[in-house]
Amino acid sequence: MYEKIKTFKDLVVWQKSIELVKNVYRITKDFPIEEQYCITAQMRRASISIPSNIAEGFRRKHNKEYMRFLNIALGSCAELETQIIIARELSYIDVNEERSLLELLDYICRMIVNLNKKLI
């Protein structure tokens, strides 16, 4: 059957978010050097924020606090989605990279929303 979730690392949504972070780092390492402190840093921070807020919320004592951190993670998802689109518009990533990142990001967002609903 199902194993009990003991830590945030057991959450599939956290695991997928870590996968997303690695993908963002891999893709942004090829961005122009002049973007190092702009879109590269912004995309990396937004991607890191997603699993970080899932983890922090998991450790909170009350569901209301957990939900607040999940909502912050959703905000970071929206921020990253916008940055991915901008990166594509600037030709820093190709359409396949954009599609791959957005599909994974959408999956993560849906998982966060569903987790949030279970906490109500």
C-alpha atoms as a PDB file:
ATOM      1  CA  MET A   1       0.000   0.000   0.000  1.00  0.00           C
ATOM      2  CA  TYR A   2       1.070   3.560   0.678  1.00  0.00           C
ATOM      3  CA  GLU A   3       4.038   4.381   2.868  1.00  0.00           C
ATOM      4  CA  LYS A   4       3.572   7.067   5.479  1.00  0.00           C
ATOM      5  CA  ILE A   5       5.132  10.414   4.664  1.00  0.00           C
ATOM      6  CA  LYS A   6       7.773  10.962   7.345  1.00  0.00           C
ATOM      7  CA  THR A   7       9.649  13.913   5.884  1.00  0.00           C
ATOM      8  CA  PHE A   8       9.232  16.432   3.106  1.00  0.00           C
ATOM      9  CA  LYS A   9      11.779  14.400   1.105  1.00  0.00           C
ATOM     10  CA  ASP A  10       9.150  11.645   0.826  1.00  0.00           C
ATOM     11  CA  LEU A  11       6.789  13.990  -1.039  1.00  0.00           C
ATOM     12  CA  VAL A  12       6.760  13.403  -4.797  1.00  0.00           C
ATOM     13  CA  VAL A  13       6.042  17.113  -5.313  1.00  0.00           C
ATOM     14  CA  TRP A  14       9.257  18.003  -3.460  1.00  0.00           C
ATOM     15  CA  GLN A  15      11.233  15.412  -5.457  1.00  0.00           C
ATOM     16  CA  LYS A  16       9.863  16.753  -8.759  1.00  0.00           C
ATOM     17  CA  SER A  17      10.680  20.295  -7.629  1.00  0.00           C
ATOM     18  CA  ILE A  18      14.296  19.288  -7.028  1.00  0.00           C
ATOM     19  CA  GLU A  19      14.331  17.824 -10.549  1.00  0.00           C
ATOM     20  CA  LEU A  20      13.042  21.175 -11.838  1.00  0.00           C
ATOM     21  CA  VAL A  21      15.814  23.064  -9.995  1.00  0.00           C
ATOM     22  CA  LYS A  22      18.451  20.844 -11.600  1.00  0.00           C
ATOM     23  CA  ASN A  23      16.919  21.400 -15.049  1.00  0.00           C
ATOM     24  CA  VAL A  24      16.834  25.170 -14.551  1.00  0.00           C
ATOM     25  CA  TYR A  25      20.483  25.208 -13.458  1.00  0.00           C
ATOM     26  CA  ARG A  26      21.488  23.046 -16.414  1.00  0.00           C
ATOM     27  CA  ILE A  27      19.695  25.268 -18.915  1.00  0.00           C
ATOM     28  CA  THR A  28      20.679  28.643 -17.436  1.00  0.00           C
ATOM     29  CA  LYS A  29      24.398  27.802 -17.352  1.00  0.00           C
ATOM     30  CA  ASP A  30      24.408  28.486 -21.107  1.00  0.00           C
ATOM     31  CA  PHE A  31      22.700  31.888 -20.827  1.00  0.00           C
ATOM     32  CA  PRO A  32      24.765  34.916 -21.878  1.00  0.00           C
ATOM     33  CA  ILE A  33      27.230  36.076 -19.218  1.00  0.00           C
ATOM     34  CA  GLU A  34      25.551  39.497 -19.070  1.00  0.00           C
ATOM     35  CA  GLU A  35      22.418  37.732 -17.770  1.00  0.00           C
ATOM     36  CA  GLN A  36      24.264  36.164 -14.823  1.00  0.00           C
ATOM     37  CA  TYR A  37      22.831  38.656 -12.321  1.00  0.00           C
ATOM     38  CA  CYS A  38      19.486  39.092 -14.035  1.00  0.00           C
ATOM     39  CA  ILE A  39      17.307  36.379 -15.581  1.00  0.00           C
ATOM     40  CA  THR A  40      19.757  33.567 -14.748  1.00  0.00           C
ATOM     41  CA  ALA A  41      19.759  34.466 -11.054  1.00  0.00           C
ATOM     42  CA  GLN A  42      16.009  35.141 -11.036  1.00  0.00           C
ATOM     43  CA  MET A  43      15.153  31.775 -12.592  1.00  0.00           C
ATOM     44  CA  ARG A  44      17.444  29.934 -10.229  1.00  0.00           C
ATOM     45  CA  ARG A  45      16.030  31.717  -7.168  1.00  0.00           C
ATOM     46  CA  ALA A  46      12.420  31.118  -8.240  1.00  0.00           C
ATOM     47  CA  SER A  47      13.077  27.429  -8.909  1.00  0.00           C
ATOM     48  CA  ILE A  48      14.860  26.967  -5.568  1.00  0.00           C
ATOM     49  CA  SER A  49      11.984  28.701  -3.789  1.00  0.00           C
ATOM     50  CA  ILE A  50       9.521  25.982  -4.813  1.00  0.00           C
ATOM     51  CA  PRO A  51      11.014  22.944  -2.985  1.00  0.00           C
ATOM     52  CA  SER A  52      12.280  25.209  -0.194  1.00  0.00           C
ATOM     53  CA  ASN A  53       8.787  26.451   0.629  1.00  0.00           C
ATOM     54  CA  ILE A  54       7.314  22.958   0.340  1.00  0.00           C
ATOM     55  CA  ALA A  55       9.925  21.767   2.850  1.00  0.00           C
ATOM     56  CA  GLU A  56       9.511  24.709   5.219  1.00  0.00           C
ATOM     57  CA  GLY A  57       5.736  24.412   5.209  1.00  0.00           C
ATOM     58  CA  PHE A  58       5.946  20.683   5.901  1.00  0.00           C
ATOM     59  CA  ARG A  59       7.869  21.419   9.113  1.00  0.00           C
ATOM     60  CA  ARG A  60       5.292  23.914  10.382  1.00  0.00           C
ATOM     61  CA  LYS A  61       3.002  22.846  13.222  1.00  0.00           C
ATOM     62  CA  HIS A  62      -0.320  23.834  11.715  1.00  0.00           C
ATOM     63  CA  ASN A  63      -1.960  23.144   8.374  1.00  0.00           C
ATOM     64  CA  LYS A  64      -2.796  26.832   7.952  1.00  0.00           C
ATOM     65  CA  GLU A  65       0.922  27.680   8.047  1.00  0.00           C
ATOM     66  CA  TYR A  66       1.710  24.796   5.681  1.00  0.00           C
ATOM     67  CA  MET A  67      -0.911  26.089   3.260  1.00  0.00           C
ATOM     68  CA  ARG A  68       0.653  29.559   3.405  1.00  0.00           C
ATOM     69  CA  PHE A  69       4.036  28.162   2.354  1.00  0.00           C
ATOM     70  CA  LEU A  70       2.444  26.091  -0.404  1.00  0.00           C
ATOM     71  CA  ASN A  71       0.840  29.289  -1.698  1.00  0.00           C
ATOM     72  CA  ILE A  72       4.254  30.974  -1.687  1.00  0.00           C
ATOM     73  CA  ALA A  73       5.582  28.011  -3.692  1.00  0.00           C
ATOM     74  CA  LEU A  74       2.733  28.524  -6.178  1.00  0.00           C
ATOM     75  CA  GLY A  75       3.732  32.168  -6.492  1.00  0.00           C
ATOM     76  CA  SER A  76       7.267  31.081  -7.288  1.00  0.00           C
ATOM     77  CA  CYS A  77       5.846  28.717  -9.910  1.00  0.00           C
ATOM     78  CA  ALA A  78       4.094  31.642 -11.600  1.00  0.00           C
ATOM     79  CA  GLU A  79       7.260  33.727 -11.400  1.00  0.00           C
ATOM     80  CA  LEU A  80       9.337  30.935 -12.952  1.00  0.00           C
ATOM     81  CA  GLU A  81       6.752  30.325 -15.673  1.00  0.00           C
ATOM     82  CA  THR A  82       6.988  33.981 -16.688  1.00  0.00           C
ATOM     83  CA  GLN A  83      10.782  33.854 -16.692  1.00  0.00           C
ATOM     84  CA  ILE A  84      10.800  30.705 -18.830  1.00  0.00           C
ATOM     85  CA  ILE A  85       8.577  32.452 -21.379  1.00  0.00           C
ATOM     86  CA  ILE A  86      10.862  35.504 -21.336  1.00  0.00           C
ATOM     87  CA  ALA A  87      13.936  33.278 -21.807  1.00  0.00           C
ATOM     88  CA  ARG A  88      12.274  31.718 -24.862  1.00  0.00           C
ATOM     89  CA  GLU A  89      11.277  35.135 -26.239  1.00  0.00           C
ATOM     90  CA  LEU A  90      14.921  36.237 -25.890  1.00  0.00           C
ATOM     91  CA  SER A  91      16.056  33.017 -27.638  1.00  0.00           C
ATOM     92  CA  TYR A  92      18.028  31.874 -24.587  1.00  0.00           C
ATOM     93  CA  ILE A  93      16.181  28.549 -24.699  1.00  0.00           C
ATOM     94  CA  ASP A  94      14.567  26.730 -27.587  1.00  0.00           C
ATOM     95  CA  VAL A  95      10.951  25.707 -27.860  1.00  0.00           C
ATOM     96  CA  ASN A  96      11.666  22.140 -26.715  1.00  0.00           C
ATOM     97  CA  GLU A  97      13.425  23.310 -23.550  1.00  0.00           C
ATOM     98  CA  GLU A  98      10.568  25.719 -22.888  1.00  0.00           C
ATOM     99  CA  ARG A  99       7.974  22.984 -23.366  1.00  0.00           C
ATOM    100  CA  SER A 100       9.863  20.544 -21.141  1.00  0.00           C
ATOM    101  CA  LEU A 101      10.263  23.058 -18.305  1.00  0.00           C
ATOM    102  CA  LEU A 102       6.663  24.262 -18.534  1.00  0.00           C
ATOM    103  CA  GLU A 103       5.273  20.718 -18.528  1.00  0.00           C
ATOM    104  CA  LEU A 104       7.218  19.809 -15.399  1.00  0.00           C
ATOM    105  CA  LEU A 105       6.296  23.114 -13.782  1.00  0.00           C
ATOM    106  CA  ASP A 106       2.600  22.596 -14.577  1.00  0.00           C
ATOM    107  CA  TYR A 107       2.736  19.105 -13.051  1.00  0.00           C
ATOM    108  CA  ILE A 108       4.330  20.505  -9.899  1.00  0.00           C
ATOM    109  CA  CYS A 109       1.742  23.294  -9.670  1.00  0.00           C
ATOM    110  CA  ARG A 110      -1.115  20.816  -9.927  1.00  0.00           C
ATOM    111  CA  MET A 111       0.466  18.671  -7.214  1.00  0.00           C
ATOM    112  CA  ILE A 112       0.848  21.698  -4.923  1.00  0.00           C
ATOM    113  CA  VAL A 113      -2.794  22.687  -5.475  1.00  0.00           C
ATOM    114  CA  ASN A 114      -3.943  19.146  -4.693  1.00  0.00           C
ATOM    115  CA  LEU A 115      -1.785  18.984  -1.570  1.00  0.00           C
ATOM    116  CA  ASN A 116      -3.183  22.326  -0.473  1.00  0.00           C
ATOM    117  CA  LYS A 117      -6.756  20.999  -0.898  1.00  0.00           C
ATOM    118  CA  LYS A 118      -5.954  18.007   1.317  1.00  0.00           C
ATOM    119  CA  LEU A 119      -4.869  20.332   4.110  1.00  0.00           C
ATOM    120  CA  ILE A 120      -8.181  22.194   4.282  1.00  0.00           C
END
